[in-house]
N, C-alpha and C. Protein backbone atom coordinates (compact mmCIF):
# COMPACT_ATOMS: atom_id res chain seq x y z
N MET A 1 -51.57 -56.33 35.52
CA MET A 1 -50.69 -56.16 34.38
C MET A 1 -51.20 -55.08 33.47
N ALA A 2 -52.53 -55.12 33.31
CA ALA A 2 -53.17 -54.15 32.41
C ALA A 2 -52.82 -52.76 32.90
N SER A 3 -52.76 -52.52 34.22
CA SER A 3 -52.43 -51.19 34.69
C SER A 3 -51.03 -50.84 34.42
N ARG A 4 -50.14 -51.91 34.42
CA ARG A 4 -48.70 -51.61 34.07
C ARG A 4 -48.54 -51.26 32.59
N VAL A 5 -49.22 -51.95 31.75
CA VAL A 5 -49.16 -51.58 30.43
C VAL A 5 -49.75 -50.19 30.06
N GLY A 6 -50.76 -49.95 30.73
CA GLY A 6 -51.40 -48.58 30.62
C GLY A 6 -50.48 -47.54 31.20
N LEU A 7 -49.80 -47.79 32.19
CA LEU A 7 -48.87 -46.84 32.82
C LEU A 7 -47.65 -46.69 31.93
N GLY A 8 -47.17 -47.88 31.43
CA GLY A 8 -46.05 -47.85 30.54
C GLY A 8 -46.33 -47.15 29.22
N SER A 9 -47.61 -47.38 28.68
CA SER A 9 -47.93 -46.64 27.43
C SER A 9 -48.08 -45.17 27.71
N LEU A 10 -48.52 -44.82 28.93
CA LEU A 10 -48.66 -43.43 29.30
C LEU A 10 -47.27 -42.71 29.38
N VAL A 11 -46.33 -43.39 30.03
CA VAL A 11 -44.94 -42.92 30.13
C VAL A 11 -44.39 -42.81 28.75
N PHE A 12 -44.53 -43.92 27.97
CA PHE A 12 -43.96 -43.80 26.61
C PHE A 12 -44.53 -42.70 25.73
N ALA A 13 -45.90 -42.46 25.98
CA ALA A 13 -46.49 -41.34 25.17
C ALA A 13 -46.01 -39.98 25.70
N GLN A 14 -45.68 -39.84 26.95
CA GLN A 14 -45.16 -38.63 27.47
C GLN A 14 -43.66 -38.42 26.96
N VAL A 15 -42.92 -39.44 26.97
CA VAL A 15 -41.59 -39.46 26.46
C VAL A 15 -41.54 -39.05 25.00
N GLU A 16 -42.45 -39.69 24.24
CA GLU A 16 -42.50 -39.43 22.80
C GLU A 16 -42.90 -38.04 22.53
N SER A 17 -43.90 -37.54 23.30
CA SER A 17 -44.37 -36.21 23.28
C SER A 17 -43.31 -35.20 23.59
N HIS A 18 -42.50 -35.47 24.62
CA HIS A 18 -41.42 -34.62 24.98
C HIS A 18 -40.35 -34.57 23.85
N GLU A 19 -40.08 -35.74 23.23
CA GLU A 19 -39.03 -35.89 22.16
C GLU A 19 -39.54 -34.95 20.96
N VAL A 20 -40.83 -34.98 20.64
CA VAL A 20 -41.40 -34.30 19.53
C VAL A 20 -41.25 -32.80 19.82
N GLU A 21 -41.47 -32.38 21.09
CA GLU A 21 -41.36 -31.00 21.44
C GLU A 21 -39.82 -30.51 21.29
N GLN A 22 -38.91 -31.45 21.79
CA GLN A 22 -37.52 -31.19 21.68
C GLN A 22 -37.10 -31.03 20.19
N THR A 23 -37.51 -31.95 19.40
CA THR A 23 -37.17 -31.99 18.01
C THR A 23 -37.71 -30.77 17.31
N THR A 24 -38.95 -30.35 17.65
CA THR A 24 -39.50 -29.14 17.11
C THR A 24 -38.69 -27.98 17.53
N GLU A 25 -38.32 -27.92 18.76
CA GLU A 25 -37.53 -26.75 19.31
C GLU A 25 -36.21 -26.70 18.68
N VAL A 26 -35.53 -27.89 18.48
CA VAL A 26 -34.27 -27.90 17.80
C VAL A 26 -34.39 -27.48 16.33
N GLY A 27 -35.41 -27.93 15.78
CA GLY A 27 -35.79 -27.55 14.31
C GLY A 27 -35.89 -26.04 14.19
N MET A 28 -36.61 -25.47 15.19
CA MET A 28 -36.82 -24.05 15.16
C MET A 28 -35.57 -23.28 15.34
N ARG A 29 -34.68 -23.79 16.27
CA ARG A 29 -33.39 -23.18 16.44
C ARG A 29 -32.49 -23.28 15.15
N ILE A 30 -32.57 -24.44 14.56
CA ILE A 30 -31.78 -24.60 13.33
C ILE A 30 -32.40 -23.72 12.25
N GLY A 31 -33.67 -23.66 12.24
CA GLY A 31 -34.32 -22.71 11.25
C GLY A 31 -33.94 -21.26 11.46
N GLN A 32 -33.92 -20.89 12.73
CA GLN A 32 -33.56 -19.55 13.07
C GLN A 32 -32.08 -19.30 12.63
N ARG A 33 -31.25 -20.25 12.95
CA ARG A 33 -29.79 -20.07 12.53
C ARG A 33 -29.76 -20.03 11.00
N GLY A 34 -30.47 -20.88 10.33
CA GLY A 34 -30.45 -20.90 8.85
C GLY A 34 -30.92 -19.53 8.34
N VAL A 35 -31.93 -18.98 8.90
CA VAL A 35 -32.35 -17.61 8.43
C VAL A 35 -31.27 -16.57 8.70
N ILE A 36 -30.64 -16.65 9.82
CA ILE A 36 -29.52 -15.75 10.09
C ILE A 36 -28.36 -15.90 9.17
N VAL A 37 -28.00 -17.11 8.89
CA VAL A 37 -26.90 -17.45 7.96
C VAL A 37 -27.35 -16.94 6.56
N ALA A 38 -28.60 -17.24 6.17
CA ALA A 38 -29.00 -16.80 4.85
C ALA A 38 -29.06 -15.26 4.70
N ALA A 39 -29.51 -14.65 5.77
CA ALA A 39 -29.54 -13.17 5.74
C ALA A 39 -28.07 -12.59 5.73
N SER A 40 -27.21 -13.16 6.43
CA SER A 40 -25.81 -12.80 6.44
C SER A 40 -25.13 -12.94 5.06
N LEU A 41 -25.46 -14.05 4.43
CA LEU A 41 -24.97 -14.27 3.12
C LEU A 41 -25.49 -13.27 2.15
N LEU A 42 -26.70 -12.99 2.27
CA LEU A 42 -27.38 -12.01 1.34
C LEU A 42 -26.77 -10.61 1.52
N VAL A 43 -26.50 -10.21 2.69
CA VAL A 43 -25.87 -8.93 2.96
C VAL A 43 -24.44 -8.93 2.39
N TYR A 44 -23.71 -9.98 2.59
CA TYR A 44 -22.37 -10.11 2.03
C TYR A 44 -22.40 -9.98 0.50
N LEU A 45 -23.33 -10.69 -0.16
CA LEU A 45 -23.41 -10.67 -1.59
C LEU A 45 -23.72 -9.27 -2.10
N VAL A 46 -24.61 -8.64 -1.43
CA VAL A 46 -25.00 -7.23 -1.87
C VAL A 46 -23.71 -6.35 -1.65
N VAL A 47 -23.11 -6.38 -0.58
CA VAL A 47 -21.91 -5.51 -0.32
C VAL A 47 -20.80 -5.93 -1.37
N SER A 48 -20.64 -7.21 -1.60
CA SER A 48 -19.61 -7.59 -2.60
C SER A 48 -19.97 -7.03 -4.02
N ALA A 49 -21.19 -7.17 -4.42
CA ALA A 49 -21.60 -6.70 -5.73
C ALA A 49 -21.43 -5.15 -5.82
N GLU A 50 -21.72 -4.47 -4.73
CA GLU A 50 -21.66 -2.97 -4.69
C GLU A 50 -20.17 -2.60 -4.75
N SER A 51 -19.36 -3.26 -4.05
CA SER A 51 -17.82 -2.95 -4.10
C SER A 51 -17.25 -3.21 -5.43
N ALA A 52 -17.76 -4.38 -6.02
CA ALA A 52 -17.24 -4.72 -7.31
C ALA A 52 -17.61 -3.64 -8.39
N SER A 53 -18.76 -3.06 -8.25
CA SER A 53 -19.21 -2.04 -9.22
C SER A 53 -18.45 -0.64 -8.99
N THR A 54 -17.95 -0.50 -7.80
CA THR A 54 -17.25 0.77 -7.56
C THR A 54 -15.75 0.48 -7.46
N LYS A 55 -15.13 0.12 -8.54
CA LYS A 55 -13.70 -0.28 -8.57
C LYS A 55 -12.85 1.00 -8.23
N VAL A 56 -11.75 0.60 -7.67
CA VAL A 56 -10.71 1.61 -7.27
C VAL A 56 -10.09 2.13 -8.60
N CYS A 57 -9.90 3.38 -8.63
CA CYS A 57 -9.17 4.03 -9.86
C CYS A 57 -9.91 3.75 -11.15
N ASN A 58 -11.24 3.84 -11.13
CA ASN A 58 -12.14 3.56 -12.26
C ASN A 58 -12.51 4.93 -12.92
N GLY A 59 -12.74 5.02 -14.20
CA GLY A 59 -13.30 6.15 -14.93
C GLY A 59 -12.36 7.34 -14.72
N LYS A 60 -12.95 8.39 -14.25
CA LYS A 60 -12.23 9.71 -14.13
C LYS A 60 -11.09 9.54 -13.10
N HIS A 61 -11.13 8.57 -12.26
CA HIS A 61 -10.10 8.35 -11.24
C HIS A 61 -8.93 7.46 -11.73
N ALA A 62 -9.02 7.05 -12.95
CA ALA A 62 -7.97 6.19 -13.45
C ALA A 62 -6.69 7.03 -13.79
N SER A 63 -5.89 7.24 -12.77
CA SER A 63 -4.70 8.08 -12.94
C SER A 63 -3.57 7.47 -12.14
N LEU A 64 -2.38 7.94 -12.44
CA LEU A 64 -1.21 7.39 -11.76
C LEU A 64 -1.24 7.78 -10.29
N SER A 65 -1.78 8.92 -9.98
CA SER A 65 -1.91 9.32 -8.54
C SER A 65 -2.76 8.34 -7.77
N CYS A 66 -3.87 7.97 -8.44
CA CYS A 66 -4.75 7.00 -7.76
C CYS A 66 -4.08 5.56 -7.62
N LEU A 67 -3.34 5.19 -8.67
CA LEU A 67 -2.67 3.96 -8.59
C LEU A 67 -1.67 3.91 -7.43
N LYS A 68 -0.94 5.00 -7.23
CA LYS A 68 0.02 5.15 -6.13
C LYS A 68 -0.73 5.00 -4.75
N LYS A 69 -1.83 5.66 -4.61
CA LYS A 69 -2.52 5.69 -3.41
C LYS A 69 -3.14 4.30 -3.03
N ASN A 70 -3.44 3.52 -4.09
CA ASN A 70 -4.14 2.22 -4.00
C ASN A 70 -3.31 1.15 -4.65
N PHE A 71 -2.02 1.21 -4.54
CA PHE A 71 -1.10 0.31 -5.31
C PHE A 71 -1.44 -1.12 -5.17
N ASP A 72 -1.37 -1.71 -3.97
CA ASP A 72 -1.58 -3.08 -3.66
C ASP A 72 -2.98 -3.51 -3.99
N GLU A 73 -3.93 -2.68 -3.48
CA GLU A 73 -5.36 -3.08 -3.70
C GLU A 73 -5.73 -3.10 -5.18
N LEU A 74 -5.28 -2.15 -5.95
CA LEU A 74 -5.56 -2.06 -7.38
C LEU A 74 -4.88 -3.20 -8.08
N TYR A 75 -3.68 -3.59 -7.80
CA TYR A 75 -2.93 -4.63 -8.36
C TYR A 75 -3.69 -5.96 -8.18
N GLN A 76 -4.17 -6.22 -6.98
CA GLN A 76 -4.80 -7.42 -6.67
C GLN A 76 -6.21 -7.46 -7.12
N SER A 77 -6.99 -6.40 -7.08
CA SER A 77 -8.42 -6.44 -7.42
C SER A 77 -8.70 -6.11 -8.88
N ASP A 78 -7.86 -5.37 -9.54
CA ASP A 78 -8.18 -5.07 -10.98
C ASP A 78 -6.88 -4.92 -11.70
N TYR A 79 -6.31 -6.05 -11.96
CA TYR A 79 -4.96 -6.15 -12.61
C TYR A 79 -4.87 -5.47 -13.93
N ASP A 80 -5.90 -5.65 -14.77
CA ASP A 80 -5.94 -4.94 -16.04
C ASP A 80 -5.86 -3.48 -16.01
N SER A 81 -6.72 -2.95 -15.09
CA SER A 81 -6.79 -1.38 -14.91
C SER A 81 -5.32 -0.96 -14.40
N PHE A 82 -4.77 -1.81 -13.42
CA PHE A 82 -3.51 -1.41 -12.88
C PHE A 82 -2.48 -1.20 -13.98
N PHE A 83 -2.35 -2.20 -14.86
CA PHE A 83 -1.36 -2.10 -16.03
C PHE A 83 -1.72 -1.09 -17.10
N THR A 84 -2.97 -0.92 -17.22
CA THR A 84 -3.46 0.11 -18.23
C THR A 84 -3.01 1.55 -17.73
N ILE A 85 -3.23 1.79 -16.48
CA ILE A 85 -2.79 3.07 -15.89
C ILE A 85 -1.27 3.15 -15.95
N LEU A 86 -0.60 2.15 -15.52
CA LEU A 86 0.85 2.22 -15.45
C LEU A 86 1.49 2.37 -16.83
N ARG A 87 0.95 1.69 -17.80
CA ARG A 87 1.53 1.82 -19.20
C ARG A 87 1.14 3.19 -19.87
N SER A 88 0.06 3.70 -19.54
CA SER A 88 -0.33 5.05 -19.92
C SER A 88 0.63 6.08 -19.35
N ALA A 89 0.97 5.91 -18.10
CA ALA A 89 1.92 6.82 -17.39
C ALA A 89 3.38 6.62 -18.03
N GLU A 90 3.65 5.43 -18.35
CA GLU A 90 4.96 5.07 -18.98
C GLU A 90 5.09 5.88 -20.36
N LYS A 91 4.07 5.81 -21.13
CA LYS A 91 4.12 6.48 -22.41
C LYS A 91 4.33 7.98 -22.27
N LYS A 92 3.54 8.58 -21.29
CA LYS A 92 3.76 9.99 -21.08
C LYS A 92 5.22 10.33 -20.55
N ALA A 93 5.71 9.42 -19.64
CA ALA A 93 7.07 9.65 -19.10
C ALA A 93 8.14 9.52 -20.19
N THR A 94 8.04 8.53 -20.95
CA THR A 94 9.16 8.28 -21.97
C THR A 94 9.08 9.24 -23.14
N LYS A 95 7.97 9.93 -23.40
CA LYS A 95 7.91 10.93 -24.38
C LYS A 95 8.83 12.09 -24.06
N CYS A 96 8.98 12.31 -22.78
CA CYS A 96 9.91 13.38 -22.24
C CYS A 96 9.46 14.78 -22.65
N ASP A 97 8.25 14.98 -22.97
CA ASP A 97 7.78 16.31 -23.27
C ASP A 97 7.25 17.10 -22.07
N SER A 98 7.18 16.38 -20.95
CA SER A 98 6.82 16.97 -19.68
C SER A 98 7.65 16.36 -18.55
N LEU A 99 8.53 17.12 -18.03
CA LEU A 99 9.41 16.56 -16.92
C LEU A 99 8.56 16.15 -15.73
N ALA A 100 7.47 16.84 -15.47
CA ALA A 100 6.61 16.51 -14.38
C ALA A 100 6.03 15.03 -14.57
N ASN A 101 5.73 14.66 -15.79
CA ASN A 101 5.14 13.35 -16.04
C ASN A 101 6.28 12.29 -15.83
N THR A 102 7.48 12.59 -16.20
CA THR A 102 8.62 11.64 -16.01
C THR A 102 8.92 11.49 -14.55
N VAL A 103 8.96 12.58 -13.83
CA VAL A 103 9.24 12.56 -12.37
C VAL A 103 8.18 11.72 -11.67
N ASP A 104 6.86 11.98 -12.07
CA ASP A 104 5.77 11.29 -11.42
C ASP A 104 5.86 9.72 -11.72
N TYR A 105 6.23 9.39 -12.90
CA TYR A 105 6.41 7.99 -13.22
C TYR A 105 7.52 7.37 -12.40
N LEU A 106 8.69 7.97 -12.35
CA LEU A 106 9.80 7.46 -11.63
C LEU A 106 9.54 7.27 -10.10
N ASP A 107 8.59 8.12 -9.63
CA ASP A 107 8.23 8.06 -8.22
C ASP A 107 7.47 6.77 -7.90
N VAL A 108 7.02 6.03 -8.85
CA VAL A 108 6.28 4.75 -8.67
C VAL A 108 7.19 3.78 -7.87
N VAL A 109 8.43 3.91 -8.04
CA VAL A 109 9.40 2.98 -7.41
C VAL A 109 9.13 2.93 -5.86
N ARG A 110 8.70 3.93 -5.22
CA ARG A 110 8.36 3.98 -3.85
C ARG A 110 7.29 2.98 -3.39
N PHE A 111 6.47 2.63 -4.34
CA PHE A 111 5.26 1.77 -4.02
C PHE A 111 5.40 0.31 -4.41
N ILE A 112 6.49 -0.03 -5.17
CA ILE A 112 6.63 -1.37 -5.67
C ILE A 112 6.81 -2.43 -4.63
N GLY A 113 7.63 -2.08 -3.58
CA GLY A 113 7.97 -3.04 -2.50
C GLY A 113 8.41 -4.41 -3.00
N GLY A 114 7.79 -5.44 -2.60
CA GLY A 114 8.14 -6.80 -2.93
C GLY A 114 7.47 -7.34 -4.22
N ASN A 115 6.75 -6.53 -4.92
CA ASN A 115 6.06 -6.97 -6.17
C ASN A 115 7.03 -7.20 -7.29
N ALA A 116 7.40 -8.41 -7.42
CA ALA A 116 8.53 -8.82 -8.43
C ALA A 116 8.02 -8.49 -9.85
N GLU A 117 6.82 -8.73 -10.19
CA GLU A 117 6.35 -8.39 -11.59
C GLU A 117 6.50 -7.00 -11.92
N VAL A 118 6.00 -6.11 -11.05
CA VAL A 118 6.07 -4.67 -11.24
C VAL A 118 7.47 -4.21 -11.21
N ARG A 119 8.25 -4.78 -10.35
CA ARG A 119 9.69 -4.40 -10.26
C ARG A 119 10.45 -4.67 -11.60
N GLU A 120 10.22 -5.81 -12.17
CA GLU A 120 10.74 -6.21 -13.37
C GLU A 120 10.35 -5.28 -14.57
N TYR A 121 9.03 -5.01 -14.56
CA TYR A 121 8.46 -4.15 -15.64
C TYR A 121 9.17 -2.78 -15.49
N PHE A 122 9.15 -2.26 -14.20
CA PHE A 122 9.70 -0.90 -13.96
C PHE A 122 11.27 -0.88 -14.32
N SER A 123 11.95 -1.92 -14.06
CA SER A 123 13.40 -2.01 -14.37
C SER A 123 13.64 -1.84 -15.88
N GLU A 124 12.75 -2.55 -16.69
CA GLU A 124 12.98 -2.52 -18.07
C GLU A 124 12.70 -1.08 -18.58
N VAL A 125 11.66 -0.47 -18.14
CA VAL A 125 11.40 0.90 -18.56
C VAL A 125 12.49 1.92 -18.24
N ILE A 126 12.92 1.85 -16.99
CA ILE A 126 13.97 2.85 -16.53
C ILE A 126 15.35 2.57 -17.23
N GLU A 127 15.64 1.28 -17.53
CA GLU A 127 16.88 0.99 -18.20
C GLU A 127 16.83 1.62 -19.61
N LYS A 128 15.72 1.39 -20.27
CA LYS A 128 15.62 1.98 -21.63
C LYS A 128 15.53 3.47 -21.68
N LEU A 129 14.80 4.03 -20.67
CA LEU A 129 14.80 5.52 -20.50
C LEU A 129 16.18 6.09 -20.29
N CYS A 130 16.87 5.46 -19.43
CA CYS A 130 18.24 5.94 -19.10
C CYS A 130 19.17 5.94 -20.30
N THR A 131 19.09 4.92 -21.18
CA THR A 131 19.99 4.82 -22.28
C THR A 131 19.48 5.56 -23.48
N GLU A 132 18.21 5.64 -23.71
CA GLU A 132 17.60 6.22 -24.94
C GLU A 132 17.36 7.62 -24.73
N ARG A 133 17.11 8.11 -23.55
CA ARG A 133 16.78 9.53 -23.25
C ARG A 133 17.51 9.99 -21.94
N PRO A 134 18.83 9.93 -21.98
CA PRO A 134 19.56 10.13 -20.71
C PRO A 134 19.28 11.49 -20.07
N ARG A 135 19.34 12.56 -20.82
CA ARG A 135 19.11 13.85 -20.13
C ARG A 135 17.72 13.96 -19.52
N CYS A 136 16.71 13.47 -20.23
CA CYS A 136 15.39 13.50 -19.69
C CYS A 136 15.37 12.68 -18.37
N PHE A 137 15.92 11.46 -18.46
CA PHE A 137 15.90 10.61 -17.34
C PHE A 137 16.61 11.19 -16.11
N LEU A 138 17.86 11.68 -16.38
CA LEU A 138 18.63 12.25 -15.28
C LEU A 138 18.02 13.52 -14.72
N ASP A 139 17.40 14.37 -15.54
CA ASP A 139 16.69 15.56 -15.01
C ASP A 139 15.50 15.11 -14.15
N ALA A 140 14.75 14.11 -14.46
CA ALA A 140 13.67 13.63 -13.74
C ALA A 140 14.15 12.96 -12.46
N LEU A 141 15.27 12.14 -12.65
CA LEU A 141 15.80 11.48 -11.47
C LEU A 141 16.25 12.43 -10.33
N SER A 142 16.80 13.60 -10.88
CA SER A 142 17.34 14.59 -9.85
C SER A 142 16.27 15.26 -9.11
N ARG A 143 14.88 15.07 -9.59
CA ARG A 143 13.83 15.73 -8.91
C ARG A 143 13.00 14.80 -8.06
N VAL A 144 13.21 13.52 -8.13
CA VAL A 144 12.43 12.61 -7.22
C VAL A 144 13.02 12.69 -5.88
N ASN A 145 12.35 12.12 -4.95
CA ASN A 145 12.90 12.10 -3.49
C ASN A 145 14.07 11.24 -3.38
N GLU A 146 14.86 11.47 -2.31
CA GLU A 146 16.11 10.79 -2.12
C GLU A 146 16.01 9.24 -2.10
N ASN A 147 14.99 8.80 -1.38
CA ASN A 147 14.77 7.26 -1.43
C ASN A 147 14.47 6.72 -2.70
N SER A 148 13.67 7.40 -3.49
CA SER A 148 13.35 6.88 -4.83
C SER A 148 14.57 6.97 -5.73
N ARG A 149 15.30 7.99 -5.62
CA ARG A 149 16.54 8.15 -6.45
C ARG A 149 17.47 7.03 -6.07
N SER A 150 17.73 6.80 -4.82
CA SER A 150 18.68 5.75 -4.35
C SER A 150 18.19 4.38 -4.90
N GLU A 151 16.95 4.08 -4.81
CA GLU A 151 16.48 2.81 -5.25
C GLU A 151 16.60 2.62 -6.76
N ILE A 152 16.30 3.68 -7.50
CA ILE A 152 16.45 3.60 -8.99
C ILE A 152 17.90 3.45 -9.36
N VAL A 153 18.80 4.14 -8.74
CA VAL A 153 20.23 4.00 -9.04
C VAL A 153 20.74 2.68 -8.72
N ARG A 154 20.24 2.17 -7.57
CA ARG A 154 20.61 0.76 -7.10
C ARG A 154 20.24 -0.25 -8.12
N GLN A 155 19.00 -0.04 -8.72
CA GLN A 155 18.65 -1.02 -9.76
C GLN A 155 19.45 -0.86 -11.02
N LEU A 156 19.82 0.34 -11.32
CA LEU A 156 20.63 0.54 -12.57
C LEU A 156 22.07 -0.01 -12.41
N ARG A 157 22.56 -0.06 -11.16
CA ARG A 157 23.87 -0.68 -10.99
C ARG A 157 23.86 -2.17 -11.36
N ASN A 158 22.72 -2.78 -11.31
CA ASN A 158 22.59 -4.22 -11.59
C ASN A 158 21.42 -4.37 -12.56
N PRO A 159 21.56 -3.94 -13.79
CA PRO A 159 20.37 -3.95 -14.70
C PRO A 159 20.01 -5.38 -15.06
N THR A 160 18.71 -5.50 -15.36
CA THR A 160 18.07 -6.75 -15.62
C THR A 160 18.09 -7.03 -17.15
N PHE A 161 17.81 -5.94 -17.94
CA PHE A 161 17.52 -6.11 -19.41
C PHE A 161 18.62 -5.69 -20.25
N LEU A 162 19.39 -4.66 -19.88
CA LEU A 162 20.49 -4.18 -20.75
C LEU A 162 21.82 -4.54 -20.09
N GLU A 163 22.81 -4.47 -20.87
CA GLU A 163 24.29 -4.68 -20.50
C GLU A 163 24.61 -3.65 -19.49
N ASP A 164 25.32 -4.04 -18.50
CA ASP A 164 25.96 -3.02 -17.55
C ASP A 164 26.66 -1.92 -18.29
N ARG A 165 27.37 -2.33 -19.28
CA ARG A 165 28.12 -1.30 -20.04
C ARG A 165 27.26 -0.19 -20.67
N ALA A 166 26.15 -0.47 -21.06
CA ALA A 166 25.24 0.53 -21.69
C ALA A 166 24.83 1.60 -20.71
N ILE A 167 24.48 1.09 -19.50
CA ILE A 167 24.04 1.99 -18.41
C ILE A 167 25.28 2.84 -17.92
N ARG A 168 26.32 2.09 -17.73
CA ARG A 168 27.55 2.74 -17.21
C ARG A 168 28.06 3.88 -18.14
N GLU A 169 27.91 3.63 -19.50
CA GLU A 169 28.29 4.73 -20.48
C GLU A 169 27.54 6.02 -20.25
N VAL A 170 26.31 5.90 -19.91
CA VAL A 170 25.44 7.07 -19.67
C VAL A 170 26.03 7.79 -18.40
N PHE A 171 26.21 7.05 -17.35
CA PHE A 171 26.70 7.67 -16.10
C PHE A 171 28.14 8.30 -16.29
N VAL A 172 28.92 7.55 -17.02
CA VAL A 172 30.24 8.14 -17.25
C VAL A 172 30.20 9.45 -18.07
N ARG A 173 29.34 9.46 -18.95
CA ARG A 173 29.21 10.66 -19.93
C ARG A 173 28.81 11.91 -19.11
N TYR A 174 27.94 11.70 -18.03
CA TYR A 174 27.44 12.81 -17.28
C TYR A 174 28.16 12.87 -15.85
N LYS A 175 29.17 12.14 -15.65
CA LYS A 175 29.76 12.02 -14.27
C LYS A 175 30.27 13.41 -13.78
N THR A 176 30.82 14.21 -14.65
CA THR A 176 31.39 15.58 -14.17
C THR A 176 30.37 16.67 -14.24
N SER A 177 29.13 16.45 -14.58
CA SER A 177 28.16 17.48 -14.61
C SER A 177 27.66 17.79 -13.20
N PRO A 178 27.86 19.10 -12.78
CA PRO A 178 27.41 19.53 -11.46
C PRO A 178 25.95 19.27 -11.25
N ARG A 179 25.24 19.46 -12.34
CA ARG A 179 23.68 19.22 -12.30
C ARG A 179 23.31 17.92 -11.80
N TYR A 180 24.08 16.87 -12.02
CA TYR A 180 23.70 15.47 -11.61
C TYR A 180 24.61 14.93 -10.56
N LYS A 181 25.28 15.78 -9.79
CA LYS A 181 26.31 15.28 -8.83
C LYS A 181 25.67 14.30 -7.84
N ARG A 182 24.50 14.56 -7.26
CA ARG A 182 23.88 13.67 -6.28
C ARG A 182 23.61 12.27 -6.90
N ILE A 183 23.21 12.27 -8.12
CA ILE A 183 22.98 10.97 -8.81
C ILE A 183 24.30 10.26 -9.07
N MET A 184 25.24 11.00 -9.50
CA MET A 184 26.62 10.33 -9.87
C MET A 184 27.23 9.85 -8.56
N ASP A 185 27.09 10.60 -7.50
CA ASP A 185 27.64 10.15 -6.22
C ASP A 185 26.97 8.82 -5.81
N LEU A 186 25.72 8.61 -6.09
CA LEU A 186 25.01 7.35 -5.69
C LEU A 186 25.53 6.22 -6.62
N TYR A 187 25.69 6.51 -7.90
CA TYR A 187 26.11 5.49 -8.78
C TYR A 187 27.52 5.00 -8.64
N PHE A 188 28.43 5.98 -8.41
CA PHE A 188 29.82 5.63 -8.37
C PHE A 188 30.26 5.46 -6.95
N VAL A 189 29.40 5.10 -6.00
CA VAL A 189 29.83 4.80 -4.66
C VAL A 189 30.79 3.62 -4.67
N PRO A 190 31.90 3.78 -3.90
CA PRO A 190 32.88 2.67 -3.91
C PRO A 190 32.29 1.38 -3.27
């Protein structure tokens, strides 16, 4: 019996030793994975911090041109800068002292897509511009691309902020002007 206990103890000691080795090996694998995960997390944090410090359309790049090129990204990542740039461009456009600024601003319509907030904001601006500075508005509208022009006129046929009558009066006043024929044809489509 003594030999059986000795043999049993020896087997148990070998099994226990094997389990310790396996546990150590598993621990090392978990430790290696932990180091890999920690290193990956560190790299992610460094890249995130770096990209946060290099904002899109920041500093000297804060322009309407940059906003157009990075429309969705800027709107999602730096909301305040997005609207600061857009409002600055609006002020320039609605002054009407530079046709190029007004044309550039109206061209924003191409980038709005399904963004309801920006669409509503833009509608308010163009409705006011159309009624308060109609010649400036129509001159600029005649210079934007055909798709932008069509979209803006479509929005003006169903204004959000002003009465239909106010918008319609502007278009009726300039309906016979050859200068704005393409615009009037879009507005007065049957």
